[in-house]
Structure formats: C-alpha cells, structure tokens
C-alpha cells in the first residue's frame, strides 16, 4: 500500500485540443511577423536602390501565376477570363421580327 495519493488535476485551458490546434495560432503569428519583416526589408532595399517597391509587383505577379494555374486546373483558355462586360450592338444572326411578319 502506498502512502502517496494522487489528487485529480483539473484540465487547464486548451487541454482537450490537439497539438496542431494549439500550434496554428502560433504559426499565424510567426507568418505575420515574417511578412512585416519582408515588407520592411523591401522598403529599405528599394529606398537604397532608388526604385519603386517590389512588393506590389511581386504580389500582382503571384496573382497572375495563380490565375493561370487555376485556368490550367479547370482546362480553360485565357479568353474565358478576359470578358468582363459585353454589350450587343447588332445581332446579325437573329432575323428582324418586323420584317419577318407579313
């Protein structure tokens, strides 16, 4: 018989969560700090070189690459994305209703 007794511990905050559930907020914070550091570094280097910041250019390049990747995954062509607004000026394939009626 042991004289030591074990008292039940009350679980602390986050005791029921897995490792990844607790690690995700930490990784998001680390990513935010790295993004801020990259923006600061871009600002400093481009100021020393006397050119415009590269961050917005790289971001738009990344968006263009992502769009092309999505097009390739969907087996689409470039012309599918470029149409934003269309106005029909003259419909030559539909006969005129007033001339067709006798």
N, C-alpha and C. Protein backbone atom coordinates (compact mmCIF):
# COMPACT_ATOMS: atom_id res chain seq x y z
N UNK A 1 0.84 -1.16 0.00
CA UNK A 1 0.00 0.00 0.00
C UNK A 1 0.89 1.24 0.00
N UNK A 2 0.56 2.12 -0.86
CA UNK A 2 1.35 3.32 -0.98
C UNK A 2 0.71 4.44 -0.17
N UNK A 3 1.55 5.23 0.43
CA UNK A 3 1.04 6.35 1.20
C UNK A 3 0.82 7.59 0.34
N UNK A 4 1.33 7.56 -0.88
CA UNK A 4 1.14 8.69 -1.78
C UNK A 4 -0.25 8.62 -2.41
N UNK A 5 -0.91 9.72 -2.42
CA UNK A 5 -2.23 9.77 -3.06
C UNK A 5 -2.16 10.74 -4.23
N UNK A 6 -2.89 10.41 -5.25
CA UNK A 6 -2.91 11.26 -6.43
C UNK A 6 -4.19 12.09 -6.40
N UNK A 7 -4.01 13.39 -6.44
CA UNK A 7 -5.17 14.26 -6.48
C UNK A 7 -5.57 14.49 -7.94
N UNK A 8 -6.83 14.49 -8.21
CA UNK A 8 -7.23 14.71 -9.61
C UNK A 8 -6.89 16.15 -10.04
N UNK A 9 -6.30 16.25 -11.20
CA UNK A 9 -5.94 17.57 -11.73
C UNK A 9 -7.08 18.08 -12.59
N UNK A 10 -7.34 19.35 -12.47
CA UNK A 10 -8.33 19.95 -13.36
C UNK A 10 -7.62 20.35 -14.65
N UNK A 11 -8.21 20.01 -15.77
CA UNK A 11 -7.53 20.35 -17.02
C UNK A 11 -7.47 21.85 -17.23
N UNK A 12 -6.34 22.29 -17.72
CA UNK A 12 -6.13 23.71 -17.98
C UNK A 12 -6.73 24.11 -19.32
N UNK A 13 -6.56 25.37 -19.68
CA UNK A 13 -7.11 25.81 -20.97
C UNK A 13 -6.40 25.12 -22.14
N UNK A 14 -7.17 24.66 -23.09
CA UNK A 14 -6.62 24.01 -24.26
C UNK A 14 -6.19 22.57 -24.03
N UNK A 15 -6.63 21.97 -22.92
CA UNK A 15 -6.21 20.61 -22.62
C UNK A 15 -6.84 19.60 -23.58
N UNK A 16 -8.02 19.89 -24.09
CA UNK A 16 -8.68 18.96 -24.99
C UNK A 16 -8.29 19.14 -26.45
N UNK A 17 -7.48 20.14 -26.75
CA UNK A 17 -7.10 20.42 -28.12
C UNK A 17 -5.87 19.60 -28.50
N UNK A 18 -5.76 19.33 -29.79
CA UNK A 18 -4.60 18.62 -30.29
C UNK A 18 -3.42 19.57 -30.44
N UNK A 19 -2.30 19.01 -30.82
CA UNK A 19 -1.08 19.79 -30.98
C UNK A 19 -1.24 20.80 -32.11
N UNK A 20 -1.83 20.37 -33.23
CA UNK A 20 -1.97 21.28 -34.37
C UNK A 20 -2.93 22.41 -34.07
N UNK A 21 -3.99 22.14 -33.32
CA UNK A 21 -4.94 23.19 -32.99
C UNK A 21 -4.29 24.28 -32.14
N UNK A 22 -3.34 23.90 -31.30
CA UNK A 22 -2.64 24.89 -30.49
C UNK A 22 -1.50 25.56 -31.25
N UNK A 23 -0.97 24.86 -32.26
CA UNK A 23 0.18 25.38 -33.00
C UNK A 23 -0.23 26.34 -34.11
N UNK A 24 -1.45 26.24 -34.63
CA UNK A 24 -1.89 27.08 -35.74
C UNK A 24 -1.84 28.57 -35.40
N UNK A 25 -2.36 29.03 -34.26
CA UNK A 25 -2.25 30.47 -33.96
C UNK A 25 -0.80 30.94 -33.84
N UNK A 26 0.06 30.10 -33.31
CA UNK A 26 1.47 30.47 -33.19
C UNK A 26 2.10 30.61 -34.57
N UNK A 27 1.79 29.68 -35.45
CA UNK A 27 2.33 29.75 -36.81
C UNK A 27 1.79 30.95 -37.57
N UNK A 28 0.54 31.31 -37.34
CA UNK A 28 -0.02 32.51 -37.97
C UNK A 28 0.70 33.77 -37.48
N UNK A 29 1.00 33.81 -36.20
CA UNK A 29 1.74 34.95 -35.65
C UNK A 29 3.14 35.04 -36.21
N UNK A 30 3.82 33.91 -36.33
CA UNK A 30 5.16 33.89 -36.90
C UNK A 30 5.10 34.33 -38.36
N UNK A 31 4.09 33.87 -39.11
CA UNK A 31 3.94 34.27 -40.52
C UNK A 31 3.71 35.78 -40.63
N UNK A 32 2.91 36.34 -39.73
CA UNK A 32 2.64 37.79 -39.76
C UNK A 32 3.93 38.57 -39.49
N UNK A 33 4.73 38.12 -38.55
CA UNK A 33 6.00 38.80 -38.26
C UNK A 33 6.94 38.71 -39.45
N UNK A 34 6.99 37.54 -40.10
CA UNK A 34 7.84 37.39 -41.28
C UNK A 34 7.36 38.28 -42.43
N UNK A 35 6.05 38.42 -42.59
CA UNK A 35 5.52 39.28 -43.64
C UNK A 35 5.87 40.74 -43.36
N UNK A 36 5.76 41.16 -42.11
CA UNK A 36 6.13 42.54 -41.76
C UNK A 36 7.62 42.78 -41.98
N UNK A 37 8.45 41.81 -41.63
CA UNK A 37 9.88 41.94 -41.84
C UNK A 37 10.21 42.01 -43.33
N UNK A 38 9.53 41.20 -44.14
CA UNK A 38 9.77 41.22 -45.59
C UNK A 38 9.36 42.56 -46.19
N UNK A 39 8.26 43.13 -45.72
CA UNK A 39 7.83 44.44 -46.21
C UNK A 39 8.83 45.53 -45.82
N UNK A 40 9.30 45.46 -44.59
CA UNK A 40 10.30 46.44 -44.14
C UNK A 40 11.59 46.30 -44.94
N UNK A 41 12.04 45.08 -45.16
CA UNK A 41 13.26 44.84 -45.92
C UNK A 41 13.11 45.32 -47.36
N UNK A 42 11.95 45.08 -47.96
CA UNK A 42 11.68 45.55 -49.32
C UNK A 42 11.73 47.07 -49.38
N UNK A 43 11.16 47.70 -48.37
CA UNK A 43 11.16 49.16 -48.32
C UNK A 43 12.58 49.72 -48.21
N UNK A 44 13.38 49.12 -47.36
CA UNK A 44 14.74 49.60 -47.14
C UNK A 44 15.62 49.40 -48.38
N UNK A 45 15.55 48.22 -48.97
CA UNK A 45 16.40 47.91 -50.11
C UNK A 45 16.02 48.76 -51.32
N UNK A 46 14.72 48.89 -51.58
CA UNK A 46 14.31 49.69 -52.73
C UNK A 46 14.57 51.18 -52.50
N UNK A 47 14.53 51.64 -51.26
CA UNK A 47 14.86 53.04 -50.99
C UNK A 47 16.34 53.29 -51.24
N UNK A 48 17.19 52.35 -50.85
CA UNK A 48 18.62 52.49 -51.11
C UNK A 48 18.92 52.42 -52.60
N UNK A 49 18.20 51.59 -53.33
CA UNK A 49 18.44 51.45 -54.76
C UNK A 49 17.77 52.56 -55.56
N UNK A 50 16.82 53.25 -54.97
CA UNK A 50 16.13 54.33 -55.67
C UNK A 50 15.09 53.86 -56.66
N UNK A 51 14.48 52.71 -56.40
CA UNK A 51 13.44 52.19 -57.29
C UNK A 51 12.14 52.03 -56.51
N UNK A 52 11.07 51.77 -57.24
CA UNK A 52 9.77 51.57 -56.60
C UNK A 52 9.77 50.23 -55.84
N UNK A 53 8.95 50.13 -54.79
CA UNK A 53 8.91 48.88 -54.02
C UNK A 53 8.53 47.68 -54.89
N UNK A 54 9.13 46.55 -54.59
CA UNK A 54 8.90 45.34 -55.36
C UNK A 54 7.71 44.55 -54.83
N UNK A 55 7.28 44.80 -53.62
CA UNK A 55 6.19 44.03 -53.01
C UNK A 55 4.92 44.00 -53.83
N UNK A 56 4.38 45.17 -54.23
CA UNK A 56 3.15 45.14 -55.04
C UNK A 56 3.34 44.45 -56.39
N UNK A 57 4.50 44.61 -56.99
CA UNK A 57 4.76 43.94 -58.27
C UNK A 57 4.80 42.44 -58.10
N UNK A 58 5.47 41.98 -57.04
CA UNK A 58 5.55 40.54 -56.81
C UNK A 58 4.18 39.97 -56.45
N UNK A 59 3.38 40.75 -55.73
CA UNK A 59 2.04 40.29 -55.37
C UNK A 59 1.17 40.13 -56.62
N UNK A 60 1.22 41.12 -57.53
CA UNK A 60 0.42 41.00 -58.76
C UNK A 60 0.95 39.88 -59.65
N UNK A 61 2.26 39.66 -59.65
CA UNK A 61 2.81 38.54 -60.40
C UNK A 61 2.33 37.21 -59.82
N UNK A 62 2.30 37.11 -58.51
CA UNK A 62 1.80 35.90 -57.87
C UNK A 62 0.33 35.65 -58.16
N UNK A 63 -0.47 36.74 -58.20
CA UNK A 63 -1.88 36.59 -58.54
C UNK A 63 -2.06 36.13 -59.98
N UNK A 64 -1.24 36.65 -60.89
CA UNK A 64 -1.33 36.24 -62.29
C UNK A 64 -0.94 34.77 -62.45
N UNK A 65 0.09 34.35 -61.74
CA UNK A 65 0.50 32.94 -61.80
C UNK A 65 -0.59 32.06 -61.21
N UNK A 66 -1.21 32.49 -60.11
CA UNK A 66 -2.29 31.71 -59.51
C UNK A 66 -3.48 31.61 -60.44
N UNK A 67 -3.81 32.70 -61.15
CA UNK A 67 -4.91 32.66 -62.11
C UNK A 67 -4.62 31.67 -63.24
N UNK A 68 -3.40 31.71 -63.75
CA UNK A 68 -3.04 30.78 -64.82
C UNK A 68 -3.07 29.33 -64.33
N UNK A 69 -2.66 29.11 -63.10
CA UNK A 69 -2.71 27.76 -62.53
C UNK A 69 -4.15 27.27 -62.43
N UNK A 70 -5.05 28.16 -61.94
CA UNK A 70 -6.45 27.77 -61.83
C UNK A 70 -7.06 27.51 -63.20
N UNK A 71 -6.67 28.30 -64.21
CA UNK A 71 -7.16 28.05 -65.56
C UNK A 71 -6.70 26.68 -66.07
N UNK A 72 -5.46 26.37 -65.81
CA UNK A 72 -4.95 25.07 -66.24
C UNK A 72 -5.63 23.92 -65.53
N UNK A 73 -5.92 24.09 -64.25
CA UNK A 73 -6.61 23.03 -63.50
C UNK A 73 -8.04 22.82 -63.99
N UNK A 74 -8.67 23.89 -64.48
CA UNK A 74 -10.04 23.80 -64.96
C UNK A 74 -10.10 23.52 -66.46
N UNK A 75 -8.97 23.32 -67.12
CA UNK A 75 -8.90 23.10 -68.57
C UNK A 75 -9.59 24.22 -69.33
N UNK A 76 -9.37 25.45 -68.91
CA UNK A 76 -9.96 26.61 -69.56
C UNK A 76 -8.89 27.31 -70.40
N UNK A 77 -9.35 28.26 -71.21
CA UNK A 77 -8.42 29.05 -72.01
C UNK A 77 -8.37 30.46 -71.47
N UNK A 78 -7.43 31.26 -71.95
CA UNK A 78 -7.28 32.63 -71.48
C UNK A 78 -8.48 33.48 -71.80
N UNK A 79 -9.17 33.20 -72.91
CA UNK A 79 -10.27 34.05 -73.31
C UNK A 79 -11.45 33.95 -72.34
N UNK A 80 -11.51 32.91 -71.53
CA UNK A 80 -12.60 32.77 -70.58
C UNK A 80 -12.56 33.83 -69.49
N UNK A 81 -11.38 34.31 -69.14
CA UNK A 81 -11.25 35.26 -68.04
C UNK A 81 -11.37 36.71 -68.48
N UNK A 82 -11.06 37.01 -69.73
CA UNK A 82 -10.92 38.38 -70.15
C UNK A 82 -12.24 39.12 -70.38
N UNK A 83 -13.36 38.42 -70.52
CA UNK A 83 -14.63 39.06 -70.79
C UNK A 83 -15.22 39.54 -69.47
N UNK A 84 -15.37 40.85 -69.33
CA UNK A 84 -15.92 41.42 -68.10
C UNK A 84 -17.32 41.95 -68.34
N UNK A 85 -17.50 42.75 -69.38
CA UNK A 85 -18.80 43.33 -69.66
C UNK A 85 -18.98 43.34 -71.17
N UNK A 86 -20.13 42.91 -71.62
CA UNK A 86 -20.38 42.80 -73.05
C UNK A 86 -21.67 43.53 -73.38
N UNK A 87 -21.65 44.27 -74.48
CA UNK A 87 -22.85 44.94 -74.98
C UNK A 87 -23.04 44.52 -76.43
N UNK A 88 -24.22 43.98 -76.74
CA UNK A 88 -24.51 43.56 -78.11
C UNK A 88 -24.96 44.79 -78.89
N UNK A 89 -24.22 45.13 -79.94
CA UNK A 89 -24.55 46.31 -80.74
C UNK A 89 -25.51 45.92 -81.86
N UNK A 90 -25.21 44.86 -82.59
CA UNK A 90 -26.07 44.43 -83.68
C UNK A 90 -26.06 42.91 -83.70
N UNK A 91 -27.22 42.33 -83.68
CA UNK A 91 -27.34 40.89 -83.70
C UNK A 91 -27.65 40.48 -85.13
N UNK A 92 -26.66 39.96 -85.85
CA UNK A 92 -26.85 39.62 -87.27
C UNK A 92 -27.38 38.21 -87.45
N UNK A 93 -27.42 37.41 -86.42
CA UNK A 93 -27.85 36.03 -86.55
C UNK A 93 -29.35 35.85 -86.30
N UNK A 94 -29.99 36.79 -85.67
CA UNK A 94 -31.42 36.71 -85.40
C UNK A 94 -32.16 37.56 -86.43
N UNK A 95 -33.14 36.99 -87.14
CA UNK A 95 -33.88 37.80 -88.12
C UNK A 95 -34.71 38.87 -87.42
N UNK A 96 -34.88 39.99 -88.11
CA UNK A 96 -35.65 41.10 -87.57
C UNK A 96 -37.13 40.69 -87.52
N UNK A 97 -37.76 40.88 -86.37
CA UNK A 97 -39.13 40.43 -86.19
C UNK A 97 -40.11 41.23 -87.03
N UNK A 98 -39.87 42.50 -87.27
CA UNK A 98 -40.81 43.33 -88.03
C UNK A 98 -40.75 42.99 -89.52
N UNK A 99 -39.61 42.64 -90.05
CA UNK A 99 -39.51 42.32 -91.47
C UNK A 99 -40.02 40.91 -91.74
N UNK A 100 -39.93 40.02 -90.78
CA UNK A 100 -40.36 38.63 -90.98
C UNK A 100 -41.87 38.47 -90.95
N UNK A 101 -42.60 39.37 -90.30
CA UNK A 101 -44.05 39.26 -90.21
C UNK A 101 -44.68 39.81 -91.48
N UNK A 102 -45.66 39.09 -92.05
CA UNK A 102 -46.30 39.57 -93.30
C UNK A 102 -47.74 39.94 -93.07
